[in-house]
Amino acid sequence: MTMTTHTVNKMDRYLIETPHTARDCKMLVEQVYAMGYLHNFDWGCEVGVHNGWAIIEAESEAQARLAVPSLVRRKARVIKLSKFDGRLKSHEMAHKNME
């Protein structure tokens, strides 16, 4: 018997922020629903903050951006997330990469 090993690519996590106008709100929610991502998003619209937020897993920023309807895709912010393990060194390394 031959065993095959598969490499599992670890997906990165991305925060998606979708600012929009009150006028575009209904259409945006309908498009997010049609794309199958509505359960991923939280919305501030009911309190006058016309923004949607989601955290999704994706292989790249470009792939994560595809979860955003074209209506607001250019305005959306897609931010790769990371976790720190409590050791100061891991946090310092992140800041060194930014310099």
PDB file of N, CA and C in Angstrom:
ATOM      1  N   MET A   1       0.842  -1.162   0.000  1.00  0.00           N
ATOM      2  CA  MET A   1       0.000   0.000   0.000  1.00  0.00           C
ATOM      3  C   MET A   1       0.897   1.239   0.000  1.00  0.00           C
ATOM      4  N   THR A   2       0.570   2.195  -0.843  1.00  0.00           N
ATOM      5  CA  THR A   2       1.320   3.433  -0.931  1.00  0.00           C
ATOM      6  C   THR A   2       0.545   4.531  -0.240  1.00  0.00           C
ATOM      7  N   MET A   3       1.245   5.261   0.606  1.00  0.00           N
ATOM      8  CA  MET A   3       0.591   6.386   1.282  1.00  0.00           C
ATOM      9  C   MET A   3       1.000   7.674   0.594  1.00  0.00           C
ATOM     10  N   THR A   4       0.044   8.483   0.340  1.00  0.00           N
ATOM     11  CA  THR A   4       0.294   9.771  -0.276  1.00  0.00           C
ATOM     12  C   THR A   4       0.167  10.843   0.793  1.00  0.00           C
ATOM     13  N   THR A   5       1.126  11.711   0.839  1.00  0.00           N
ATOM     14  CA  THR A   5       1.031  12.826   1.776  1.00  0.00           C
ATOM     15  C   THR A   5       0.680  14.078   1.003  1.00  0.00           C
ATOM     16  N   HIS A   6      -0.211  14.816   1.559  1.00  0.00           N
ATOM     17  CA  HIS A   6      -0.634  16.071   0.939  1.00  0.00           C
ATOM     18  C   HIS A   6      -0.150  17.228   1.791  1.00  0.00           C
ATOM     19  N   THR A   7       0.383  18.224   1.140  1.00  0.00           N
ATOM     20  CA  THR A   7       0.796  19.428   1.844  1.00  0.00           C
ATOM     21  C   THR A   7      -0.427  20.308   2.019  1.00  0.00           C
ATOM     22  N   VAL A   8      -0.682  20.689   3.241  1.00  0.00           N
ATOM     23  CA  VAL A   8      -1.809  21.565   3.523  1.00  0.00           C
ATOM     24  C   VAL A   8      -1.279  22.980   3.641  1.00  0.00           C
ATOM     25  N   ASN A   9      -1.767  23.846   2.775  1.00  0.00           N
ATOM     26  CA  ASN A   9      -1.363  25.246   2.832  1.00  0.00           C
ATOM     27  C   ASN A   9      -2.146  25.933   3.939  1.00  0.00           C
ATOM     28  N   LYS A  10      -1.430  26.524   4.861  1.00  0.00           N
ATOM     29  CA  LYS A  10      -2.085  27.261   5.940  1.00  0.00           C
ATOM     30  C   LYS A  10      -2.587  28.580   5.373  1.00  0.00           C
ATOM     31  N   MET A  11      -3.841  28.809   5.566  1.00  0.00           N
ATOM     32  CA  MET A  11      -4.446  30.032   5.066  1.00  0.00           C
ATOM     33  C   MET A  11      -4.187  31.157   6.063  1.00  0.00           C
ATOM     34  N   ASP A  12      -3.995  32.348   5.541  1.00  0.00           N
ATOM     35  CA  ASP A  12      -3.863  33.528   6.380  1.00  0.00           C
ATOM     36  C   ASP A  12      -5.257  34.056   6.694  1.00  0.00           C
ATOM     37  N   ARG A  13      -5.352  34.836   7.762  1.00  0.00           N
ATOM     38  CA  ARG A  13      -6.623  35.454   8.135  1.00  0.00           C
ATOM     39  C   ARG A  13      -6.567  36.932   7.765  1.00  0.00           C
ATOM     40  N   TYR A  14      -7.692  37.438   7.252  1.00  0.00           N
ATOM     41  CA  TYR A  14      -7.774  38.823   6.816  1.00  0.00           C
ATOM     42  C   TYR A  14      -9.016  39.483   7.399  1.00  0.00           C
ATOM     43  N   LEU A  15      -8.834  40.726   7.850  1.00  0.00           N
ATOM     44  CA  LEU A  15      -9.953  41.558   8.260  1.00  0.00           C
ATOM     45  C   LEU A  15     -10.375  42.356   7.036  1.00  0.00           C
ATOM     46  N   ILE A  16     -11.644  42.288   6.728  1.00  0.00           N
ATOM     47  CA  ILE A  16     -12.184  43.046   5.595  1.00  0.00           C
ATOM     48  C   ILE A  16     -13.111  44.119   6.156  1.00  0.00           C
ATOM     49  N   GLU A  17     -12.906  45.339   5.697  1.00  0.00           N
ATOM     50  CA  GLU A  17     -13.739  46.468   6.109  1.00  0.00           C
ATOM     51  C   GLU A  17     -14.342  47.078   4.854  1.00  0.00           C
ATOM     52  N   THR A  18     -15.664  47.178   4.826  1.00  0.00           N
ATOM     53  CA  THR A  18     -16.345  47.648   3.621  1.00  0.00           C
ATOM     54  C   THR A  18     -17.155  48.918   3.896  1.00  0.00           C
ATOM     55  N   PRO A  19     -16.520  50.083   3.823  1.00  0.00           N
ATOM     56  CA  PRO A  19     -17.270  51.325   4.003  1.00  0.00           C
ATOM     57  C   PRO A  19     -18.204  51.540   2.807  1.00  0.00           C
ATOM     58  N   HIS A  20     -19.382  52.077   3.092  1.00  0.00           N
ATOM     59  CA  HIS A  20     -20.349  52.329   2.021  1.00  0.00           C
ATOM     60  C   HIS A  20     -21.304  53.429   2.477  1.00  0.00           C
ATOM     61  N   THR A  21     -22.076  53.904   1.557  1.00  0.00           N
ATOM     62  CA  THR A  21     -23.040  54.964   1.867  1.00  0.00           C
ATOM     63  C   THR A  21     -24.375  54.339   2.249  1.00  0.00           C
ATOM     64  N   ALA A  22     -25.210  55.134   2.901  1.00  0.00           N
ATOM     65  CA  ALA A  22     -26.554  54.674   3.247  1.00  0.00           C
ATOM     66  C   ALA A  22     -27.309  54.308   1.970  1.00  0.00           C
ATOM     67  N   ARG A  23     -27.059  55.041   0.916  1.00  0.00           N
ATOM     68  CA  ARG A  23     -27.734  54.785  -0.365  1.00  0.00           C
ATOM     69  C   ARG A  23     -27.350  53.425  -0.934  1.00  0.00           C
ATOM     70  N   ASP A  24     -26.086  53.005  -0.763  1.00  0.00           N
ATOM     71  CA  ASP A  24     -25.608  51.733  -1.311  1.00  0.00           C
ATOM     72  C   ASP A  24     -25.831  50.539  -0.372  1.00  0.00           C
ATOM     73  N   CYS A  25     -26.300  50.816   0.833  1.00  0.00           N
ATOM     74  CA  CYS A  25     -26.361  49.797   1.879  1.00  0.00           C
ATOM     75  C   CYS A  25     -27.153  48.554   1.459  1.00  0.00           C
ATOM     76  N   LYS A  26     -28.386  48.730   1.049  1.00  0.00           N
ATOM     77  CA  LYS A  26     -29.245  47.592   0.708  1.00  0.00           C
ATOM     78  C   LYS A  26     -28.637  46.772  -0.422  1.00  0.00           C
ATOM     79  N   MET A  27     -28.147  47.444  -1.444  1.00  0.00           N
ATOM     80  CA  MET A  27     -27.561  46.748  -2.586  1.00  0.00           C
ATOM     81  C   MET A  27     -26.308  45.962  -2.166  1.00  0.00           C
ATOM     82  N   LEU A  28     -25.487  46.561  -1.313  1.00  0.00           N
ATOM     83  CA  LEU A  28     -24.275  45.894  -0.865  1.00  0.00           C
ATOM     84  C   LEU A  28     -24.605  44.627  -0.082  1.00  0.00           C
ATOM     85  N   VAL A  29     -25.533  44.724   0.857  1.00  0.00           N
ATOM     86  CA  VAL A  29     -25.911  43.554   1.657  1.00  0.00           C
ATOM     87  C   VAL A  29     -26.478  42.459   0.744  1.00  0.00           C
ATOM     88  N   GLU A  30     -27.281  42.838  -0.226  1.00  0.00           N
ATOM     89  CA  GLU A  30     -27.829  41.853  -1.172  1.00  0.00           C
ATOM     90  C   GLU A  30     -26.716  41.175  -1.967  1.00  0.00           C
ATOM     91  N   GLN A  31     -25.710  41.946  -2.385  1.00  0.00           N
ATOM     92  CA  GLN A  31     -24.603  41.362  -3.146  1.00  0.00           C
ATOM     93  C   GLN A  31     -23.740  40.449  -2.279  1.00  0.00           C
ATOM     94  N   VAL A  32     -23.471  40.852  -1.039  1.00  0.00           N
ATOM     95  CA  VAL A  32     -22.698  40.005  -0.129  1.00  0.00           C
ATOM     96  C   VAL A  32     -23.454  38.696   0.105  1.00  0.00           C
ATOM     97  N   TYR A  33     -24.775  38.791   0.254  1.00  0.00           N
ATOM     98  CA  TYR A  33     -25.610  37.598   0.425  1.00  0.00           C
ATOM     99  C   TYR A  33     -25.514  36.690  -0.807  1.00  0.00           C
ATOM    100  N   ALA A  34     -25.642  37.275  -1.986  1.00  0.00           N
ATOM    101  CA  ALA A  34     -25.592  36.507  -3.235  1.00  0.00           C
ATOM    102  C   ALA A  34     -24.243  35.823  -3.428  1.00  0.00           C
ATOM    103  N   MET A  35     -23.184  36.437  -2.909  1.00  0.00           N
ATOM    104  CA  MET A  35     -21.835  35.863  -3.039  1.00  0.00           C
ATOM    105  C   MET A  35     -21.573  34.777  -1.995  1.00  0.00           C
ATOM    106  N   GLY A  36     -22.483  34.631  -1.016  1.00  0.00           N
ATOM    107  CA  GLY A  36     -22.341  33.596  -0.006  1.00  0.00           C
ATOM    108  C   GLY A  36     -21.519  33.982   1.205  1.00  0.00           C
ATOM    109  N   TYR A  37     -21.268  35.264   1.386  1.00  0.00           N
ATOM    110  CA  TYR A  37     -20.421  35.717   2.503  1.00  0.00           C
ATOM    111  C   TYR A  37     -21.194  36.440   3.600  1.00  0.00           C
ATOM    112  N   LEU A  38     -22.523  36.523   3.511  1.00  0.00           N
ATOM    113  CA  LEU A  38     -23.280  37.314   4.475  1.00  0.00           C
ATOM    114  C   LEU A  38     -23.050  36.848   5.914  1.00  0.00           C
ATOM    115  N   HIS A  39     -22.923  35.539   6.129  1.00  0.00           N
ATOM    116  CA  HIS A  39     -22.726  35.021   7.491  1.00  0.00           C
ATOM    117  C   HIS A  39     -21.362  35.412   8.063  1.00  0.00           C
ATOM    118  N   ASN A  40     -20.425  35.858   7.222  1.00  0.00           N
ATOM    119  CA  ASN A  40     -19.103  36.279   7.692  1.00  0.00           C
ATOM    120  C   ASN A  40     -19.081  37.726   8.177  1.00  0.00           C
ATOM    121  N   PHE A  41     -20.035  38.524   7.745  1.00  0.00           N
ATOM    122  CA  PHE A  41     -19.985  39.963   7.985  1.00  0.00           C
ATOM    123  C   PHE A  41     -20.805  40.390   9.193  1.00  0.00           C
ATOM    124  N   ASP A  42     -20.297  41.400   9.892  1.00  0.00           N
ATOM    125  CA  ASP A  42     -21.035  42.136  10.911  1.00  0.00           C
ATOM    126  C   ASP A  42     -21.173  43.561  10.378  1.00  0.00           C
ATOM    127  N   TRP A  43     -22.277  44.193  10.731  1.00  0.00           N
ATOM    128  CA  TRP A  43     -22.604  45.489  10.148  1.00  0.00           C
ATOM    129  C   TRP A  43     -22.870  46.539  11.223  1.00  0.00           C
ATOM    130  N   GLY A  44     -22.520  47.789  10.929  1.00  0.00           N
ATOM    131  CA  GLY A  44     -22.796  48.899  11.831  1.00  0.00           C
ATOM    132  C   GLY A  44     -23.911  49.795  11.323  1.00  0.00           C
ATOM    133  N   CYS A  45     -24.554  49.402  10.253  1.00  0.00           N
ATOM    134  CA  CYS A  45     -25.522  50.250   9.553  1.00  0.00           C
ATOM    135  C   CYS A  45     -26.695  50.687  10.431  1.00  0.00           C
ATOM    136  N   GLU A  46     -27.181  49.813  11.306  1.00  0.00           N
ATOM    137  CA  GLU A  46     -28.351  50.148  12.124  1.00  0.00           C
ATOM    138  C   GLU A  46     -28.084  51.280  13.111  1.00  0.00           C
ATOM    139  N   VAL A  47     -26.818  51.573  13.378  1.00  0.00           N
ATOM    140  CA  VAL A  47     -26.484  52.686  14.270  1.00  0.00           C
ATOM    141  C   VAL A  47     -25.828  53.838  13.500  1.00  0.00           C
ATOM    142  N   GLY A  48     -26.000  53.823  12.173  1.00  0.00           N
ATOM    143  CA  GLY A  48     -25.506  54.919  11.347  1.00  0.00           C
ATOM    144  C   GLY A  48     -24.052  54.807  10.914  1.00  0.00           C
ATOM    145  N   VAL A  49     -23.402  53.697  11.227  1.00  0.00           N
ATOM    146  CA  VAL A  49     -22.016  53.480  10.792  1.00  0.00           C
ATOM    147  C   VAL A  49     -22.080  52.521   9.608  1.00  0.00           C
ATOM    148  N   HIS A  50     -22.108  53.081   8.424  1.00  0.00           N
ATOM    149  CA  HIS A  50     -22.273  52.246   7.224  1.00  0.00           C
ATOM    150  C   HIS A  50     -20.944  51.603   6.852  1.00  0.00           C
ATOM    151  N   ASN A  51     -20.743  50.468   7.509  1.00  0.00           N
ATOM    152  CA  ASN A  51     -19.521  49.691   7.344  1.00  0.00           C
ATOM    153  C   ASN A  51     -19.862  48.239   7.631  1.00  0.00           C
ATOM    154  N   GLY A  52     -19.198  47.349   6.921  1.00  0.00           N
ATOM    155  CA  GLY A  52     -19.295  45.925   7.213  1.00  0.00           C
ATOM    156  C   GLY A  52     -17.899  45.419   7.532  1.00  0.00           C
ATOM    157  N   TRP A  53     -17.822  44.450   8.459  1.00  0.00           N
ATOM    158  CA  TRP A  53     -16.534  43.867   8.839  1.00  0.00           C
ATOM    159  C   TRP A  53     -16.639  42.355   8.796  1.00  0.00           C
ATOM    160  N   ALA A  54     -15.590  41.730   8.312  1.00  0.00           N
ATOM    161  CA  ALA A  54     -15.541  40.269   8.300  1.00  0.00           C
ATOM    162  C   ALA A  54     -14.104  39.835   8.517  1.00  0.00           C
ATOM    163  N   ILE A  55     -13.940  38.662   9.095  1.00  0.00           N
ATOM    164  CA  ILE A  55     -12.638  38.021   9.169  1.00  0.00           C
ATOM    165  C   ILE A  55     -12.770  36.718   8.405  1.00  0.00           C
ATOM    166  N   ILE A  56     -11.953  36.576   7.375  1.00  0.00           N
ATOM    167  CA  ILE A  56     -12.012  35.371   6.561  1.00  0.00           C
ATOM    168  C   ILE A  56     -10.611  34.797   6.387  1.00  0.00           C
ATOM    169  N   GLU A  57     -10.555  33.555   5.987  1.00  0.00           N
ATOM    170  CA  GLU A  57      -9.289  32.914   5.653  1.00  0.00           C
ATOM    171  C   GLU A  57      -9.141  32.917   4.138  1.00  0.00           C
ATOM    172  N   ALA A  58      -7.931  33.226   3.683  1.00  0.00           N
ATOM    173  CA  ALA A  58      -7.659  33.266   2.257  1.00  0.00           C
ATOM    174  C   ALA A  58      -6.169  33.029   2.031  1.00  0.00           C
ATOM    175  N   GLU A  59      -5.823  32.676   0.802  1.00  0.00           N
ATOM    176  CA  GLU A  59      -4.424  32.426   0.458  1.00  0.00           C
ATOM    177  C   GLU A  59      -3.635  33.708   0.248  1.00  0.00           C
ATOM    178  N   SER A  60      -4.339  34.818  -0.051  1.00  0.00           N
ATOM    179  CA  SER A  60      -3.654  36.080  -0.319  1.00  0.00           C
ATOM    180  C   SER A  60      -4.622  37.235  -0.096  1.00  0.00           C
ATOM    181  N   GLU A  61      -4.067  38.433  -0.057  1.00  0.00           N
ATOM    182  CA  GLU A  61      -4.914  39.625   0.055  1.00  0.00           C
ATOM    183  C   GLU A  61      -5.837  39.733  -1.152  1.00  0.00           C
ATOM    184  N   ALA A  62      -5.315  39.434  -2.326  1.00  0.00           N
ATOM    185  CA  ALA A  62      -6.122  39.518  -3.541  1.00  0.00           C
ATOM    186  C   ALA A  62      -7.308  38.557  -3.478  1.00  0.00           C
ATOM    187  N   GLN A  63      -7.065  37.348  -2.979  1.00  0.00           N
ATOM    188  CA  GLN A  63      -8.159  36.386  -2.865  1.00  0.00           C
ATOM    189  C   GLN A  63      -9.186  36.856  -1.825  1.00  0.00           C
ATOM    190  N   ALA A  64      -8.712  37.403  -0.715  1.00  0.00           N
ATOM    191  CA  ALA A  64      -9.625  37.906   0.315  1.00  0.00           C
ATOM    192  C   ALA A  64     -10.479  39.046  -0.228  1.00  0.00           C
ATOM    193  N   ARG A  65      -9.889  39.895  -1.049  1.00  0.00           N
ATOM    194  CA  ARG A  65     -10.615  41.034  -1.624  1.00  0.00           C
ATOM    195  C   ARG A  65     -11.771  40.575  -2.515  1.00  0.00           C
ATOM    196  N   LEU A  66     -11.681  39.367  -3.048  1.00  0.00           N
ATOM    197  CA  LEU A  66     -12.752  38.846  -3.895  1.00  0.00           C
ATOM    198  C   LEU A  66     -14.031  38.576  -3.102  1.00  0.00           C
ATOM    199  N   ALA A  67     -13.955  38.562  -1.778  1.00  0.00           N
ATOM    200  CA  ALA A  67     -15.146  38.400  -0.943  1.00  0.00           C
ATOM    201  C   ALA A  67     -15.955  39.693  -0.876  1.00  0.00           C
ATOM    202  N   VAL A  68     -15.413  40.760  -1.428  1.00  0.00           N
ATOM    203  CA  VAL A  68     -16.064  42.074  -1.397  1.00  0.00           C
ATOM    204  C   VAL A  68     -16.714  42.326  -2.758  1.00  0.00           C
ATOM    205  N   PRO A  69     -17.998  42.676  -2.775  1.00  0.00           N
ATOM    206  CA  PRO A  69     -18.650  43.000  -4.045  1.00  0.00           C
ATOM    207  C   PRO A  69     -17.953  44.151  -4.759  1.00  0.00           C
ATOM    208  N   SER A  70     -18.026  44.121  -6.066  1.00  0.00           N
ATOM    209  CA  SER A  70     -17.360  45.143  -6.877  1.00  0.00           C
ATOM    210  C   SER A  70     -17.869  46.549  -6.558  1.00  0.00           C
ATOM    211  N   LEU A  71     -19.067  46.663  -6.031  1.00  0.00           N
ATOM    212  CA  LEU A  71     -19.648  47.960  -5.669  1.00  0.00           C
ATOM    213  C   LEU A  71     -18.723  48.762  -4.760  1.00  0.00           C
ATOM    214  N   VAL A  72     -18.019  48.093  -3.841  1.00  0.00           N
ATOM    215  CA  VAL A  72     -17.150  48.793  -2.883  1.00  0.00           C
ATOM    216  C   VAL A  72     -15.741  48.197  -2.828  1.00  0.00           C
ATOM    217  N   ARG A  73     -15.410  47.326  -3.749  1.00  0.00           N
ATOM    218  CA  ARG A  73     -14.125  46.606  -3.678  1.00  0.00           C
ATOM    219  C   ARG A  73     -12.933  47.554  -3.632  1.00  0.00           C
ATOM    220  N   ARG A  74     -12.953  48.629  -4.406  1.00  0.00           N
ATOM    221  CA  ARG A  74     -11.814  49.553  -4.411  1.00  0.00           C
ATOM    222  C   ARG A  74     -11.687  50.332  -3.105  1.00  0.00           C
ATOM    223  N   LYS A  75     -12.809  50.562  -2.419  1.00  0.00           N
ATOM    224  CA  LYS A  75     -12.793  51.303  -1.159  1.00  0.00           C
ATOM    225  C   LYS A  75     -12.517  50.399   0.041  1.00  0.00           C
ATOM    226  N   ALA A  76     -12.662  49.102  -0.135  1.00  0.00           N
ATOM    227  CA  ALA A  76     -12.521  48.170   0.989  1.00  0.00           C
ATOM    228  C   ALA A  76     -11.082  48.122   1.484  1.00  0.00           C
ATOM    229  N   ARG A  77     -10.954  47.914   2.783  1.00  0.00           N
ATOM    230  CA  ARG A  77      -9.631  47.679   3.372  1.00  0.00           C
ATOM    231  C   ARG A  77      -9.533  46.195   3.677  1.00  0.00           C
ATOM    232  N   VAL A  78      -8.430  45.594   3.255  1.00  0.00           N
ATOM    233  CA  VAL A  78      -8.177  44.182   3.523  1.00  0.00           C
ATOM    234  C   VAL A  78      -6.853  44.116   4.268  1.00  0.00           C
ATOM    235  N   ILE A  79      -6.900  43.636   5.502  1.00  0.00           N
ATOM    236  CA  ILE A  79      -5.739  43.686   6.383  1.00  0.00           C
ATOM    237  C   ILE A  79      -5.381  42.270   6.821  1.00  0.00           C
ATOM    238  N   LYS A  80      -4.154  41.853   6.538  1.00  0.00           N
ATOM    239  CA  LYS A  80      -3.687  40.543   6.988  1.00  0.00           C
ATOM    240  C   LYS A  80      -3.508  40.588   8.499  1.00  0.00           C
ATOM    241  N   LEU A  81      -4.066  39.615   9.188  1.00  0.00           N
ATOM    242  CA  LEU A  81      -4.013  39.566  10.643  1.00  0.00           C
ATOM    243  C   LEU A  81      -2.944  38.598  11.118  1.00  0.00           C
ATOM    244  N   SER A  82      -2.448  38.848  12.299  1.00  0.00           N
ATOM    245  CA  SER A  82      -1.516  37.922  12.929  1.00  0.00           C
ATOM    246  C   SER A  82      -1.819  37.895  14.416  1.00  0.00           C
ATOM    247  N   LYS A  83      -1.362  36.859  15.066  1.00  0.00           N
ATOM    248  CA  LYS A  83      -1.512  36.729  16.510  1.00  0.00           C
ATOM    249  C   LYS A  83      -0.125  36.726  17.122  1.00  0.00           C
ATOM    250  N   PHE A  84      -0.019  37.300  18.295  1.00  0.00           N
ATOM    251  CA  PHE A  84       1.225  37.257  19.034  1.00  0.00           C
ATOM    252  C   PHE A  84       1.054  36.265  20.165  1.00  0.00           C
ATOM    253  N   ASP A  85       2.123  35.567  20.464  1.00  0.00           N
ATOM    254  CA  ASP A  85       2.047  34.500  21.460  1.00  0.00           C
ATOM    255  C   ASP A  85       2.376  34.964  22.878  1.00  0.00           C
ATOM    256  N   GLY A  86       2.471  36.237  23.096  1.00  0.00           N
ATOM    257  CA  GLY A  86       2.739  36.752  24.431  1.00  0.00           C
ATOM    258  C   GLY A  86       4.205  37.028  24.692  1.00  0.00           C
ATOM    259  N   ARG A  87       5.053  36.498  23.839  1.00  0.00           N
ATOM    260  CA  ARG A  87       6.481  36.785  24.000  1.00  0.00           C
ATOM    261  C   ARG A  87       6.781  38.097  23.303  1.00  0.00           C
ATOM    262  N   LEU A  88       7.434  38.982  23.990  1.00  0.00           N
ATOM    263  CA  LEU A  88       7.747  40.301  23.447  1.00  0.00           C
ATOM    264  C   LEU A  88       8.525  40.188  22.147  1.00  0.00           C
ATOM    265  N   LYS A  89       9.349  39.176  22.022  1.00  0.00           N
ATOM    266  CA  LYS A  89      10.192  39.035  20.842  1.00  0.00           C
ATOM    267  C   LYS A  89       9.359  38.928  19.552  1.00  0.00           C
ATOM    268  N   SER A  90       8.254  38.172  19.576  1.00  0.00           N
ATOM    269  CA  SER A  90       7.447  38.025  18.365  1.00  0.00           C
ATOM    270  C   SER A  90       6.840  39.362  17.947  1.00  0.00           C
ATOM    271  N   HIS A  91       6.447  40.188  18.908  1.00  0.00           N
ATOM    272  CA  HIS A  91       5.899  41.504  18.616  1.00  0.00           C
ATOM    273  C   HIS A  91       6.977  42.422  18.065  1.00  0.00           C
ATOM    274  N   GLU A  92       8.164  42.357  18.638  1.00  0.00           N
ATOM    275  CA  GLU A  92       9.272  43.185  18.163  1.00  0.00           C
ATOM    276  C   GLU A  92       9.657  42.814  16.735  1.00  0.00           C
ATOM    277  N   MET A  93       9.629  41.531  16.415  1.00  0.00           N
ATOM    278  CA  MET A  93       9.982  41.081  15.060  1.00  0.00           C
ATOM    279  C   MET A  93       8.988  41.664  14.045  1.00  0.00           C
ATOM    280  N   ALA A  94       7.721  41.721  14.395  1.00  0.00           N
ATOM    281  CA  ALA A  94       6.725  42.280  13.496  1.00  0.00           C
ATOM    282  C   ALA A  94       7.036  43.732  13.195  1.00  0.00           C
ATOM    283  N   HIS A  95       7.469  44.473  14.207  1.00  0.00           N
ATOM    284  CA  HIS A  95       7.778  45.886  13.995  1.00  0.00           C
ATOM    285  C   HIS A  95       9.081  46.065  13.222  1.00  0.00           C
ATOM    286  N   LYS A  96      10.038  45.169  13.393  1.00  0.00           N
ATOM    287  CA  LYS A  96      11.269  45.272  12.613  1.00  0.00           C
ATOM    288  C   LYS A  96      10.991  45.084  11.126  1.00  0.00           C
ATOM    289  N   ASN A  97      10.031  44.202  10.792  1.00  0.00           N
ATOM    290  CA  ASN A  97       9.675  43.957   9.398  1.00  0.00           C
ATOM    291  C   ASN A  97       9.035  45.174   8.768  1.00  0.00           C
ATOM    292  N   MET A  98       8.498  46.084   9.576  1.00  0.00           N
ATOM    293  CA  MET A  98       7.826  47.278   9.061  1.00  0.00           C
ATOM    294  C   MET A  98       8.803  48.419   8.830  1.00  0.00           C
ATOM    295  N   GLU A  99       9.994  48.347   9.413  1.00  0.00           N
ATOM    296  CA  GLU A  99      10.945  49.461   9.304  1.00  0.00           C
ATOM    297  C   GLU A  99      11.676  49.442   7.997  1.00  0.00           C
TER     298      GLU A  99
END
